[in-house]
């Protein structure tokens, strides 16, 4: 089974890095957005749904936490993995419904393993 991934991240270089990592490890990138509002709009129309959403904390328009709350109201089965350099964001991310948290900078093997674990939990 190929894992479908949707990225919510405002830094284009980070998205490109994720794209390469995902491609090398056999994941399918089904979309990305640069802010929370765009993520909400894209997910409304997205078929099939992603298996996991990689969510940044600091985003334009809506924070990662605000975006997570809205996305989970739209689809309570969605799995959201927060990725942030801000370790203090972890408790808010998990309280909002995220299923995991990866702190930047991350170990590549740990990052890939965490994505797989998050998807396998459900």
PDB file of N, CA and C in Angstrom:
ATOM      1  N   UNK A   1       0.833  -1.190   0.000  1.00  0.00           N
ATOM      2  CA  UNK A   1       0.000   0.000   0.000  1.00  0.00           C
ATOM      3  C   UNK A   1       0.875   1.251   0.000  1.00  0.00           C
ATOM      4  N   UNK A   2       0.601   2.138  -0.911  1.00  0.00           N
ATOM      5  CA  UNK A   2       1.314   3.410  -0.961  1.00  0.00           C
ATOM      6  C   UNK A   2       0.636   4.398  -0.021  1.00  0.00           C
ATOM      7  N   UNK A   3       1.434   5.074   0.785  1.00  0.00           N
ATOM      8  CA  UNK A   3       0.901   6.055   1.725  1.00  0.00           C
ATOM      9  C   UNK A   3       0.764   7.401   1.033  1.00  0.00           C
ATOM     10  N   UNK A   4      -0.483   7.945   1.064  1.00  0.00           N
ATOM     11  CA  UNK A   4      -0.772   9.236   0.439  1.00  0.00           C
ATOM     12  C   UNK A   4      -0.545  10.355   1.463  1.00  0.00           C
ATOM     13  N   UNK A   5       0.227  11.370   1.057  1.00  0.00           N
ATOM     14  CA  UNK A   5       0.620  12.446   1.970  1.00  0.00           C
ATOM     15  C   UNK A   5       0.187  13.803   1.414  1.00  0.00           C
ATOM     16  N   UNK A   6      -0.312  14.644   2.321  1.00  0.00           N
ATOM     17  CA  UNK A   6      -0.655  16.036   2.009  1.00  0.00           C
ATOM     18  C   UNK A   6       0.184  16.906   2.948  1.00  0.00           C
ATOM     19  N   UNK A   7       0.877  17.904   2.397  1.00  0.00           N
ATOM     20  CA  UNK A   7       1.774  18.765   3.169  1.00  0.00           C
ATOM     21  C   UNK A   7       1.157  20.152   3.354  1.00  0.00           C
ATOM     22  N   UNK A   8       1.199  20.661   4.589  1.00  0.00           N
ATOM     23  CA  UNK A   8       0.775  22.035   4.883  1.00  0.00           C
ATOM     24  C   UNK A   8       2.004  22.730   5.481  1.00  0.00           C
ATOM     25  N   UNK A   9       2.645  23.570   4.691  1.00  0.00           N
ATOM     26  CA  UNK A   9       3.929  24.181   5.050  1.00  0.00           C
ATOM     27  C   UNK A   9       4.116  25.456   4.246  1.00  0.00           C
ATOM     28  N   UNK A  10       4.519  26.551   4.905  1.00  0.00           N
ATOM     29  CA  UNK A  10       4.651  27.820   4.189  1.00  0.00           C
ATOM     30  C   UNK A  10       6.018  28.041   3.544  1.00  0.00           C
ATOM     31  N   UNK A  11       6.988  27.212   3.857  1.00  0.00           N
ATOM     32  CA  UNK A  11       8.336  27.365   3.302  1.00  0.00           C
ATOM     33  C   UNK A  11       8.504  26.449   2.087  1.00  0.00           C
ATOM     34  N   UNK A  12       8.626  27.049   0.920  1.00  0.00           N
ATOM     35  CA  UNK A  12       8.718  26.281  -0.329  1.00  0.00           C
ATOM     36  C   UNK A  12       9.914  25.329  -0.352  1.00  0.00           C
ATOM     37  N   UNK A  13      11.018  25.738   0.234  1.00  0.00           N
ATOM     38  CA  UNK A  13      12.203  24.869   0.263  1.00  0.00           C
ATOM     39  C   UNK A  13      11.957  23.637   1.143  1.00  0.00           C
ATOM     40  N   UNK A  14      11.228  23.821   2.223  1.00  0.00           N
ATOM     41  CA  UNK A  14      10.895  22.685   3.089  1.00  0.00           C
ATOM     42  C   UNK A  14       9.982  21.722   2.343  1.00  0.00           C
ATOM     43  N   UNK A  15       9.010  22.260   1.611  1.00  0.00           N
ATOM     44  CA  UNK A  15       8.128  21.398   0.815  1.00  0.00           C
ATOM     45  C   UNK A  15       8.942  20.599  -0.192  1.00  0.00           C
ATOM     46  N   UNK A  16       9.873  21.253  -0.856  1.00  0.00           N
ATOM     47  CA  UNK A  16      10.713  20.543  -1.832  1.00  0.00           C
ATOM     48  C   UNK A  16      11.524  19.435  -1.152  1.00  0.00           C
ATOM     49  N   UNK A  17      12.032  19.719   0.029  1.00  0.00           N
ATOM     50  CA  UNK A  17      12.790  18.714   0.781  1.00  0.00           C
ATOM     51  C   UNK A  17      11.885  17.532   1.123  1.00  0.00           C
ATOM     52  N   UNK A  18      10.692  17.824   1.640  1.00  0.00           N
ATOM     53  CA  UNK A  18       9.740  16.749   1.954  1.00  0.00           C
ATOM     54  C   UNK A  18       9.398  15.946   0.706  1.00  0.00           C
ATOM     55  N   UNK A  19       9.187  16.641  -0.399  1.00  0.00           N
ATOM     56  CA  UNK A  19       8.844  15.950  -1.655  1.00  0.00           C
ATOM     57  C   UNK A  19       9.907  14.929  -2.020  1.00  0.00           C
ATOM     58  N   UNK A  20      11.171  15.324  -1.917  1.00  0.00           N
ATOM     59  CA  UNK A  20      12.264  14.407  -2.244  1.00  0.00           C
ATOM     60  C   UNK A  20      12.325  13.227  -1.284  1.00  0.00           C
ATOM     61  N   UNK A  21      12.182  13.513   0.008  1.00  0.00           N
ATOM     62  CA  UNK A  21      12.206  12.451   1.021  1.00  0.00           C
ATOM     63  C   UNK A  21      11.068  11.463   0.767  1.00  0.00           C
ATOM     64  N   UNK A  22       9.880  11.993   0.538  1.00  0.00           N
ATOM     65  CA  UNK A  22       8.707  11.148   0.322  1.00  0.00           C
ATOM     66  C   UNK A  22       8.869  10.289  -0.930  1.00  0.00           C
ATOM     67  N   UNK A  23       9.363  10.894  -1.987  1.00  0.00           N
ATOM     68  CA  UNK A  23       9.551  10.185  -3.253  1.00  0.00           C
ATOM     69  C   UNK A  23      10.552   9.033  -3.088  1.00  0.00           C
ATOM     70  N   UNK A  24      11.665   9.321  -2.453  1.00  0.00           N
ATOM     71  CA  UNK A  24      12.714   8.310  -2.254  1.00  0.00           C
ATOM     72  C   UNK A  24      12.189   7.126  -1.441  1.00  0.00           C
ATOM     73  N   UNK A  25      11.292   7.398  -0.492  1.00  0.00           N
ATOM     74  CA  UNK A  25      10.807   6.346   0.397  1.00  0.00           C
ATOM     75  C   UNK A  25       9.472   5.745  -0.028  1.00  0.00           C
ATOM     76  N   UNK A  26       9.028   6.051  -1.246  1.00  0.00           N
ATOM     77  CA  UNK A  26       7.867   5.383  -1.816  1.00  0.00           C
ATOM     78  C   UNK A  26       6.508   5.915  -1.392  1.00  0.00           C
ATOM     79  N   UNK A  27       6.474   7.117  -0.819  1.00  0.00           N
ATOM     80  CA  UNK A  27       5.202   7.738  -0.468  1.00  0.00           C
ATOM     81  C   UNK A  27       4.638   8.453  -1.701  1.00  0.00           C
ATOM     82  N   UNK A  28       3.344   8.681  -1.707  1.00  0.00           N
ATOM     83  CA  UNK A  28       2.708   9.423  -2.800  1.00  0.00           C
ATOM     84  C   UNK A  28       2.282  10.795  -2.284  1.00  0.00           C
ATOM     85  N   UNK A  29       2.874  11.837  -2.822  1.00  0.00           N
ATOM     86  CA  UNK A  29       2.489  13.198  -2.454  1.00  0.00           C
ATOM     87  C   UNK A  29       1.267  13.568  -3.290  1.00  0.00           C
ATOM     88  N   UNK A  30       0.129  13.781  -2.607  1.00  0.00           N
ATOM     89  CA  UNK A  30      -1.105  14.074  -3.348  1.00  0.00           C
ATOM     90  C   UNK A  30      -1.474  15.550  -3.307  1.00  0.00           C
ATOM     91  N   UNK A  31      -0.661  16.354  -2.625  1.00  0.00           N
ATOM     92  CA  UNK A  31      -0.912  17.787  -2.626  1.00  0.00           C
ATOM     93  C   UNK A  31      -0.170  18.491  -1.521  1.00  0.00           C
ATOM     94  N   UNK A  32      -0.186  19.827  -1.616  1.00  0.00           N
ATOM     95  CA  UNK A  32       0.431  20.656  -0.597  1.00  0.00           C
ATOM     96  C   UNK A  32      -0.232  22.015  -0.612  1.00  0.00           C
ATOM     97  N   UNK A  33      -0.091  22.703   0.493  1.00  0.00           N
ATOM     98  CA  UNK A  33      -0.593  24.073   0.563  1.00  0.00           C
ATOM     99  C   UNK A  33       0.366  24.897   1.405  1.00  0.00           C
ATOM    100  N   UNK A  34       0.331  26.201   1.174  1.00  0.00           N
ATOM    101  CA  UNK A  34       1.271  27.109   1.818  1.00  0.00           C
ATOM    102  C   UNK A  34       0.687  27.822   3.033  1.00  0.00           C
ATOM    103  N   UNK A  35      -0.622  27.641   3.297  1.00  0.00           N
ATOM    104  CA  UNK A  35      -1.229  28.252   4.477  1.00  0.00           C
ATOM    105  C   UNK A  35      -2.454  27.448   4.886  1.00  0.00           C
ATOM    106  N   UNK A  36      -2.969  27.750   6.076  1.00  0.00           N
ATOM    107  CA  UNK A  36      -4.092  27.001   6.613  1.00  0.00           C
ATOM    108  C   UNK A  36      -5.364  27.111   5.802  1.00  0.00           C
ATOM    109  N   UNK A  37      -5.682  28.307   5.320  1.00  0.00           N
ATOM    110  CA  UNK A  37      -6.891  28.501   4.523  1.00  0.00           C
ATOM    111  C   UNK A  37      -6.857  27.662   3.247  1.00  0.00           C
ATOM    112  N   UNK A  38      -5.722  27.689   2.575  1.00  0.00           N
ATOM    113  CA  UNK A  38      -5.569  26.911   1.341  1.00  0.00           C
ATOM    114  C   UNK A  38      -5.695  25.412   1.639  1.00  0.00           C
ATOM    115  N   UNK A  39      -5.140  24.976   2.762  1.00  0.00           N
ATOM    116  CA  UNK A  39      -5.221  23.561   3.143  1.00  0.00           C
ATOM    117  C   UNK A  39      -6.674  23.133   3.328  1.00  0.00           C
ATOM    118  N   UNK A  40      -7.445  23.967   3.987  1.00  0.00           N
ATOM    119  CA  UNK A  40      -8.858  23.666   4.229  1.00  0.00           C
ATOM    120  C   UNK A  40      -9.607  23.551   2.901  1.00  0.00           C
ATOM    121  N   UNK A  41      -9.381  24.507   2.006  1.00  0.00           N
ATOM    122  CA  UNK A  41     -10.062  24.479   0.703  1.00  0.00           C
ATOM    123  C   UNK A  41      -9.656  23.252  -0.107  1.00  0.00           C
ATOM    124  N   UNK A  42      -8.373  22.944  -0.133  1.00  0.00           N
ATOM    125  CA  UNK A  42      -7.909  21.796  -0.921  1.00  0.00           C
ATOM    126  C   UNK A  42      -8.458  20.486  -0.359  1.00  0.00           C
ATOM    127  N   UNK A  43      -8.474  20.365   0.961  1.00  0.00           N
ATOM    128  CA  UNK A  43      -8.946  19.108   1.542  1.00  0.00           C
ATOM    129  C   UNK A  43     -10.436  18.893   1.271  1.00  0.00           C
ATOM    130  N   UNK A  44     -11.214  19.966   1.198  1.00  0.00           N
ATOM    131  CA  UNK A  44     -12.643  19.841   0.902  1.00  0.00           C
ATOM    132  C   UNK A  44     -12.874  19.101  -0.409  1.00  0.00           C
ATOM    133  N   UNK A  45     -11.989  19.337  -1.375  1.00  0.00           N
ATOM    134  CA  UNK A  45     -12.153  18.780  -2.723  1.00  0.00           C
ATOM    135  C   UNK A  45     -11.305  17.541  -2.966  1.00  0.00           C
ATOM    136  N   UNK A  46     -10.462  17.164  -2.014  1.00  0.00           N
ATOM    137  CA  UNK A  46      -9.477  16.116  -2.241  1.00  0.00           C
ATOM    138  C   UNK A  46     -10.097  14.719  -2.190  1.00  0.00           C
ATOM    139  N   UNK A  47      -9.921  13.997  -3.283  1.00  0.00           N
ATOM    140  CA  UNK A  47     -10.336  12.600  -3.371  1.00  0.00           C
ATOM    141  C   UNK A  47      -9.261  11.868  -4.158  1.00  0.00           C
ATOM    142  N   UNK A  48      -8.697  10.816  -3.669  1.00  0.00           N
ATOM    143  CA  UNK A  48      -8.920  10.262  -2.343  1.00  0.00           C
ATOM    144  C   UNK A  48      -8.272  11.142  -1.266  1.00  0.00           C
ATOM    145  N   UNK A  49      -8.685  10.920  -0.040  1.00  0.00           N
ATOM    146  CA  UNK A  49      -8.127  11.653   1.100  1.00  0.00           C
ATOM    147  C   UNK A  49      -6.693  11.185   1.369  1.00  0.00           C
ATOM    148  N   UNK A  50      -5.903  12.058   1.971  1.00  0.00           N
ATOM    149  CA  UNK A  50      -4.549  11.629   2.341  1.00  0.00           C
ATOM    150  C   UNK A  50      -4.597  10.641   3.508  1.00  0.00           C
ATOM    151  N   UNK A  51      -3.591   9.802   3.582  1.00  0.00           N
ATOM    152  CA  UNK A  51      -3.444   8.907   4.730  1.00  0.00           C
ATOM    153  C   UNK A  51      -2.865   9.669   5.912  1.00  0.00           C
ATOM    154  N   UNK A  52      -2.098  10.722   5.598  1.00  0.00           N
ATOM    155  CA  UNK A  52      -1.491  11.544   6.645  1.00  0.00           C
ATOM    156  C   UNK A  52      -1.277  12.961   6.116  1.00  0.00           C
ATOM    157  N   UNK A  53      -1.443  13.931   7.019  1.00  0.00           N
ATOM    158  CA  UNK A  53      -1.176  15.334   6.711  1.00  0.00           C
ATOM    159  C   UNK A  53       0.050  15.750   7.518  1.00  0.00           C
ATOM    160  N   UNK A  54       1.058  16.279   6.845  1.00  0.00           N
ATOM    161  CA  UNK A  54       2.235  16.819   7.528  1.00  0.00           C
ATOM    162  C   UNK A  54       1.960  18.300   7.754  1.00  0.00           C
ATOM    163  N   UNK A  55       1.838  18.712   9.016  1.00  0.00           N
ATOM    164  CA  UNK A  55       1.368  20.047   9.376  1.00  0.00           C
ATOM    165  C   UNK A  55       2.449  20.863  10.069  1.00  0.00           C
ATOM    166  N   UNK A  56       2.728  22.034   9.526  1.00  0.00           N
ATOM    167  CA  UNK A  56       3.635  22.981  10.182  1.00  0.00           C
ATOM    168  C   UNK A  56       2.850  23.725  11.263  1.00  0.00           C
ATOM    169  N   UNK A  57       3.558  24.263  12.234  1.00  0.00           N
ATOM    170  CA  UNK A  57       2.900  24.993  13.324  1.00  0.00           C
ATOM    171  C   UNK A  57       2.625  26.448  12.942  1.00  0.00           C
ATOM    172  N   UNK A  58       3.660  27.137  12.499  1.00  0.00           N
ATOM    173  CA  UNK A  58       3.520  28.565  12.167  1.00  0.00           C
ATOM    174  C   UNK A  58       3.208  28.713  10.686  1.00  0.00           C
ATOM    175  N   UNK A  59       1.968  29.111  10.421  1.00  0.00           N
ATOM    176  CA  UNK A  59       1.483  29.251   9.048  1.00  0.00           C
ATOM    177  C   UNK A  59       0.800  30.597   8.877  1.00  0.00           C
ATOM    178  N   UNK A  60       0.798  31.134   7.661  1.00  0.00           N
ATOM    179  CA  UNK A  60      -0.007  32.331   7.394  1.00  0.00           C
ATOM    180  C   UNK A  60      -1.501  31.973   7.440  1.00  0.00           C
ATOM    181  N   UNK A  61      -2.319  32.944   7.675  1.00  0.00           N
ATOM    182  CA  UNK A  61      -3.782  32.840   7.654  1.00  0.00           C
ATOM    183  C   UNK A  61      -4.341  32.153   8.898  1.00  0.00           C
ATOM    184  N   UNK A  62      -3.972  30.919   9.127  1.00  0.00           N
ATOM    185  CA  UNK A  62      -4.396  30.154  10.304  1.00  0.00           C
ATOM    186  C   UNK A  62      -3.189  29.356  10.790  1.00  0.00           C
ATOM    187  N   UNK A  63      -3.045  29.240  12.101  1.00  0.00           N
ATOM    188  CA  UNK A  63      -1.936  28.446  12.640  1.00  0.00           C
ATOM    189  C   UNK A  63      -2.178  26.964  12.341  1.00  0.00           C
ATOM    190  N   UNK A  64      -1.148  26.179  12.536  1.00  0.00           N
ATOM    191  CA  UNK A  64      -1.295  24.740  12.361  1.00  0.00           C
ATOM    192  C   UNK A  64      -2.341  24.157  13.293  1.00  0.00           C
ATOM    193  N   UNK A  65      -2.408  24.663  14.522  1.00  0.00           N
ATOM    194  CA  UNK A  65      -3.402  24.189  15.486  1.00  0.00           C
ATOM    195  C   UNK A  65      -4.813  24.536  15.013  1.00  0.00           C
ATOM    196  N   UNK A  66      -5.036  25.787  14.598  1.00  0.00           N
ATOM    197  CA  UNK A  66      -6.357  26.192  14.097  1.00  0.00           C
ATOM    198  C   UNK A  66      -6.755  25.360  12.876  1.00  0.00           C
ATOM    199  N   UNK A  67      -5.806  25.171  11.979  1.00  0.00           N
ATOM    200  CA  UNK A  67      -6.060  24.395  10.767  1.00  0.00           C
ATOM    201  C   UNK A  67      -6.395  22.952  11.116  1.00  0.00           C
ATOM    202  N   UNK A  68      -5.656  22.377  12.059  1.00  0.00           N
ATOM    203  CA  UNK A  68      -5.914  21.004  12.489  1.00  0.00           C
ATOM    204  C   UNK A  68      -7.322  20.856  13.036  1.00  0.00           C
ATOM    205  N   UNK A  69      -7.746  21.777  13.882  1.00  0.00           N
ATOM    206  CA  UNK A  69      -9.090  21.708  14.461  1.00  0.00           C
ATOM    207  C   UNK A  69     -10.164  21.706  13.374  1.00  0.00           C
ATOM    208  N   UNK A  70      -9.992  22.553  12.370  1.00  0.00           N
ATOM    209  CA  UNK A  70     -10.972  22.634  11.280  1.00  0.00           C
ATOM    210  C   UNK A  70     -10.931  21.382  10.410  1.00  0.00           C
ATOM    211  N   UNK A  71      -9.732  20.928  10.063  1.00  0.00           N
ATOM    212  CA  UNK A  71      -9.613  19.731   9.227  1.00  0.00           C
ATOM    213  C   UNK A  71     -10.229  18.515   9.910  1.00  0.00           C
ATOM    214  N   UNK A  72     -10.029  18.400  11.216  1.00  0.00           N
ATOM    215  CA  UNK A  72     -10.582  17.248  11.935  1.00  0.00           C
ATOM    216  C   UNK A  72     -12.098  17.345  12.097  1.00  0.00           C
ATOM    217  N   UNK A  73     -12.646  18.546  12.102  1.00  0.00           N
ATOM    218  CA  UNK A  73     -14.110  18.681  12.083  1.00  0.00           C
ATOM    219  C   UNK A  73     -14.649  18.213  10.729  1.00  0.00           C
ATOM    220  N   UNK A  74     -13.892  18.503   9.672  1.00  0.00           N
ATOM    221  CA  UNK A  74     -14.294  18.082   8.326  1.00  0.00           C
ATOM    222  C   UNK A  74     -14.173  16.567   8.153  1.00  0.00           C
ATOM    223  N   UNK A  75     -13.117  16.002   8.727  1.00  0.00           N
ATOM    224  CA  UNK A  75     -12.833  14.569   8.582  1.00  0.00           C
ATOM    225  C   UNK A  75     -12.177  14.068   9.870  1.00  0.00           C
ATOM    226  N   UNK A  76     -12.986  13.551  10.808  1.00  0.00           N
ATOM    227  CA  UNK A  76     -12.455  13.124  12.106  1.00  0.00           C
ATOM    228  C   UNK A  76     -11.448  11.975  12.027  1.00  0.00           C
ATOM    229  N   UNK A  77     -11.396  11.277  10.898  1.00  0.00           N
ATOM    230  CA  UNK A  77     -10.467  10.151  10.748  1.00  0.00           C
ATOM    231  C   UNK A  77      -9.108  10.565  10.194  1.00  0.00           C
ATOM    232  N   UNK A  78      -8.969  11.827   9.849  1.00  0.00           N
ATOM    233  CA  UNK A  78      -7.723  12.336   9.284  1.00  0.00           C
ATOM    234  C   UNK A  78      -6.597  12.212  10.306  1.00  0.00           C
ATOM    235  N   UNK A  79      -5.426  11.799   9.838  1.00  0.00           N
ATOM    236  CA  UNK A  79      -4.259  11.689  10.712  1.00  0.00           C
ATOM    237  C   UNK A  79      -3.333  12.864  10.417  1.00  0.00           C
ATOM    238  N   UNK A  80      -3.076  13.677  11.434  1.00  0.00           N
ATOM    239  CA  UNK A  80      -2.250  14.865  11.262  1.00  0.00           C
ATOM    240  C   UNK A  80      -0.983  14.721  12.093  1.00  0.00           C
ATOM    241  N   UNK A  81       0.145  14.826  11.412  1.00  0.00           N
ATOM    242  CA  UNK A  81       1.455  14.746  12.049  1.00  0.00           C
ATOM    243  C   UNK A  81       2.070  16.138  12.028  1.00  0.00           C
ATOM    244  N   UNK A  82       2.244  16.722  13.207  1.00  0.00           N
ATOM    245  CA  UNK A  82       2.848  18.045  13.308  1.00  0.00           C
ATOM    246  C   UNK A  82       4.349  17.937  13.138  1.00  0.00           C
ATOM    247  N   UNK A  83       4.921  18.919  12.448  1.00  0.00           N
ATOM    248  CA  UNK A  83       6.367  19.006  12.285  1.00  0.00           C
ATOM    249  C   UNK A  83       6.745  20.452  12.539  1.00  0.00           C
ATOM    250  N   UNK A  84       7.534  20.678  13.601  1.00  0.00           N
ATOM    251  CA  UNK A  84       7.859  22.053  13.971  1.00  0.00           C
ATOM    252  C   UNK A  84       9.190  22.114  14.698  1.00  0.00           C
ATOM    253  N   UNK A  85       9.869  23.242  14.557  1.00  0.00           N
ATOM    254  CA  UNK A  85      11.086  23.503  15.318  1.00  0.00           C
ATOM    255  C   UNK A  85      10.748  23.992  16.720  1.00  0.00           C
ATOM    256  N   UNK A  86       9.506  24.397  16.923  1.00  0.00           N
ATOM    257  CA  UNK A  86       9.057  24.935  18.194  1.00  0.00           C
ATOM    258  C   UNK A  86       8.554  23.809  19.090  1.00  0.00           C
ATOM    259  N   UNK A  87       9.402  23.341  20.000  1.00  0.00           N
ATOM    260  CA  UNK A  87       9.046  22.226  20.879  1.00  0.00           C
ATOM    261  C   UNK A  87       7.879  22.574  21.788  1.00  0.00           C
ATOM    262  N   UNK A  88       7.685  23.867  22.066  1.00  0.00           N
ATOM    263  CA  UNK A  88       6.576  24.268  22.938  1.00  0.00           C
ATOM    264  C   UNK A  88       5.224  24.082  22.255  1.00  0.00           C
ATOM    265  N   UNK A  89       5.233  23.871  20.952  1.00  0.00           N
ATOM    266  CA  UNK A  89       3.986  23.684  20.209  1.00  0.00           C
ATOM    267  C   UNK A  89       3.419  22.272  20.374  1.00  0.00           C
ATOM    268  N   UNK A  90       4.207  21.364  20.899  1.00  0.00           N
ATOM    269  CA  UNK A  90       3.785  19.961  20.956  1.00  0.00           C
ATOM    270  C   UNK A  90       2.491  19.766  21.736  1.00  0.00           C
ATOM    271  N   UNK A  91       2.384  20.356  22.916  1.00  0.00           N
ATOM    272  CA  UNK A  91       1.180  20.116  23.724  1.00  0.00           C
ATOM    273  C   UNK A  91      -0.064  20.665  23.028  1.00  0.00           C
ATOM    274  N   UNK A  92       0.025  21.837  22.430  1.00  0.00           N
ATOM    275  CA  UNK A  92      -1.121  22.413  21.707  1.00  0.00           C
ATOM    276  C   UNK A  92      -1.466  21.559  20.487  1.00  0.00           C
ATOM    277  N   UNK A  93      -0.444  21.076  19.791  1.00  0.00           N
ATOM    278  CA  UNK A  93      -0.668  20.240  18.608  1.00  0.00           C
ATOM    279  C   UNK A  93      -1.398  18.954  18.991  1.00  0.00           C
ATOM    280  N   UNK A  94      -0.931  18.307  20.045  1.00  0.00           N
ATOM    281  CA  UNK A  94      -1.543  17.046  20.456  1.00  0.00           C
ATOM    282  C   UNK A  94      -2.955  17.280  21.002  1.00  0.00           C
ATOM    283  N   UNK A  95      -3.144  18.381  21.716  1.00  0.00           N
ATOM    284  CA  UNK A  95      -4.470  18.710  22.257  1.00  0.00           C
ATOM    285  C   UNK A  95      -5.471  19.013  21.140  1.00  0.00           C
ATOM    286  N   UNK A  96      -4.967  19.504  20.002  1.00  0.00           N
ATOM    287  CA  UNK A  96      -5.853  19.829  18.880  1.00  0.00           C
ATOM    288  C   UNK A  96      -6.276  18.595  18.092  1.00  0.00           C
ATOM    289  N   UNK A  97      -5.634  17.460  18.368  1.00  0.00           N
ATOM    290  CA  UNK A  97      -6.017  16.228  17.682  1.00  0.00           C
ATOM    291  C   UNK A  97      -4.935  15.608  16.820  1.00  0.00           C
ATOM    292  N   UNK A  98      -3.753  16.209  16.788  1.00  0.00           N
ATOM    293  CA  UNK A  98      -2.654  15.613  16.025  1.00  0.00           C
ATOM    294  C   UNK A  98      -2.319  14.249  16.611  1.00  0.00           C
ATOM    295  N   UNK A  99      -1.878  13.339  15.763  1.00  0.00           N
ATOM    296  CA  UNK A  99      -1.545  11.988  16.228  1.00  0.00           C
ATOM    297  C   UNK A  99      -0.055  11.812  16.487  1.00  0.00           C
ATOM    298  N   UNK A 100       0.718  12.836  16.176  1.00  0.00           N
ATOM    299  CA  UNK A 100       2.154  12.760  16.412  1.00  0.00           C
ATOM    300  C   UNK A 100       2.803  14.110  16.242  1.00  0.00           C
ATOM    301  N   UNK A 101       4.051  14.192  16.700  1.00  0.00           N
ATOM    302  CA  UNK A 101       4.815  15.441  16.627  1.00  0.00           C
ATOM    303  C   UNK A 101       6.272  15.097  16.338  1.00  0.00           C
ATOM    304  N   UNK A 102       6.835  15.741  15.317  1.00  0.00           N
ATOM    305  CA  UNK A 102       8.241  15.582  14.969  1.00  0.00           C
ATOM    306  C   UNK A 102       8.898  16.946  15.085  1.00  0.00           C
ATOM    307  N   UNK A 103       9.981  16.998  15.825  1.00  0.00           N
ATOM    308  CA  UNK A 103      10.673  18.271  16.014  1.00  0.00           C
ATOM    309  C   UNK A 103      11.769  18.445  14.962  1.00  0.00           C
ATOM    310  N   UNK A 104      11.776  19.635  14.323  1.00  0.00           N
ATOM    311  CA  UNK A 104      12.832  19.997  13.370  1.00  0.00           C
ATOM    312  C   UNK A 104      14.030  20.506  14.164  1.00  0.00           C
ATOM    313  N   UNK A 105      15.219  20.263  13.739  1.00  0.00           N
ATOM    314  CA  UNK A 105      15.584  19.346  12.651  1.00  0.00           C
ATOM    315  C   UNK A 105      15.379  17.905  13.109  1.00  0.00           C
ATOM    316  N   UNK A 106      15.042  17.041  12.173  1.00  0.00           N
ATOM    317  CA  UNK A 106      14.739  15.660  12.524  1.00  0.00           C
ATOM    318  C   UNK A 106      15.715  14.704  11.863  1.00  0.00           C
ATOM    319  N   UNK A 107      15.804  13.530  12.450  1.00  0.00           N
ATOM    320  CA  UNK A 107      16.566  12.433  11.875  1.00  0.00           C
ATOM    321  C   UNK A 107      15.716  11.838  10.748  1.00  0.00           C
ATOM    322  N   UNK A 108      16.296  11.658   9.584  1.00  0.00           N
ATOM    323  CA  UNK A 108      15.558  11.204   8.408  1.00  0.00           C
ATOM    324  C   UNK A 108      14.871   9.867   8.635  1.00  0.00           C
ATOM    325  N   UNK A 109      15.587   8.898   9.191  1.00  0.00           N
ATOM    326  CA  UNK A 109      14.981   7.577   9.425  1.00  0.00           C
ATOM    327  C   UNK A 109      13.823   7.672  10.417  1.00  0.00           C
ATOM    328  N   UNK A 110      14.001   8.472  11.442  1.00  0.00           N
ATOM    329  CA  UNK A 110      12.945   8.649  12.442  1.00  0.00           C
ATOM    330  C   UNK A 110      11.712   9.318  11.814  1.00  0.00           C
ATOM    331  N   UNK A 111      11.943  10.302  10.947  1.00  0.00           N
ATOM    332  CA  UNK A 111      10.861  11.007  10.257  1.00  0.00           C
ATOM    333  C   UNK A 111      10.029  10.031   9.425  1.00  0.00           C
ATOM    334  N   UNK A 112      10.690   9.241   8.594  1.00  0.00           N
ATOM    335  CA  UNK A 112      10.002   8.276   7.730  1.00  0.00           C
ATOM    336  C   UNK A 112       9.285   7.229   8.577  1.00  0.00           C
ATOM    337  N   UNK A 113       9.948   6.754   9.594  1.00  0.00           N
ATOM    338  CA  UNK A 113       9.353   5.750  10.483  1.00  0.00           C
ATOM    339  C   UNK A 113       8.119   6.293  11.187  1.00  0.00           C
ATOM    340  N   UNK A 114       8.165   7.546  11.620  1.00  0.00           N
ATOM    341  CA  UNK A 114       7.024   8.163  12.312  1.00  0.00           C
ATOM    342  C   UNK A 114       5.830   8.284  11.366  1.00  0.00           C
ATOM    343  N   UNK A 115       6.067   8.673  10.126  1.00  0.00           N
ATOM    344  CA  UNK A 115       4.961   8.762   9.160  1.00  0.00           C
ATOM    345  C   UNK A 115       4.293   7.398   9.022  1.00  0.00           C
ATOM    346  N   UNK A 116       5.094   6.345   8.859  1.00  0.00           N
ATOM    347  CA  UNK A 116       4.545   4.993   8.706  1.00  0.00           C
ATOM    348  C   UNK A 116       3.774   4.563   9.949  1.00  0.00           C
ATOM    349  N   UNK A 117       4.321   4.853  11.131  1.00  0.00           N
ATOM    350  CA  UNK A 117       3.659   4.482  12.385  1.00  0.00           C
ATOM    351  C   UNK A 117       2.314   5.180  12.535  1.00  0.00           C
ATOM    352  N   UNK A 118       2.271   6.465  12.186  1.00  0.00           N
ATOM    353  CA  UNK A 118       1.035   7.251  12.295  1.00  0.00           C
ATOM    354  C   UNK A 118      -0.048   6.628  11.412  1.00  0.00           C
ATOM    355  N   UNK A 119       0.302   6.238  10.208  1.00  0.00           N
ATOM    356  CA  UNK A 119      -0.675   5.663   9.283  1.00  0.00           C
ATOM    357  C   UNK A 119      -1.119   4.263   9.762  1.00  0.00           C
ATOM    358  N   UNK A 120      -0.185   3.493  10.275  1.00  0.00           N
ATOM    359  CA  UNK A 120      -0.504   2.127  10.709  1.00  0.00           C
ATOM    360  C   UNK A 120      -1.371   2.097  11.961  1.00  0.00           C
ATOM    361  N   UNK A 121      -1.362   3.159  12.761  1.00  0.00           N
ATOM    362  CA  UNK A 121      -2.170   3.212  13.985  1.00  0.00           C
ATOM    363  C   UNK A 121      -3.655   3.079  13.695  1.00  0.00           C
ATOM    364  N   UNK A 122      -4.084   3.531  12.531  1.00  0.00           N
ATOM    365  CA  UNK A 122      -5.514   3.581  12.257  1.00  0.00           C
ATOM    366  C   UNK A 122      -5.996   2.435  11.493  1.00  0.00           C
TER     367      UNK A 122
END
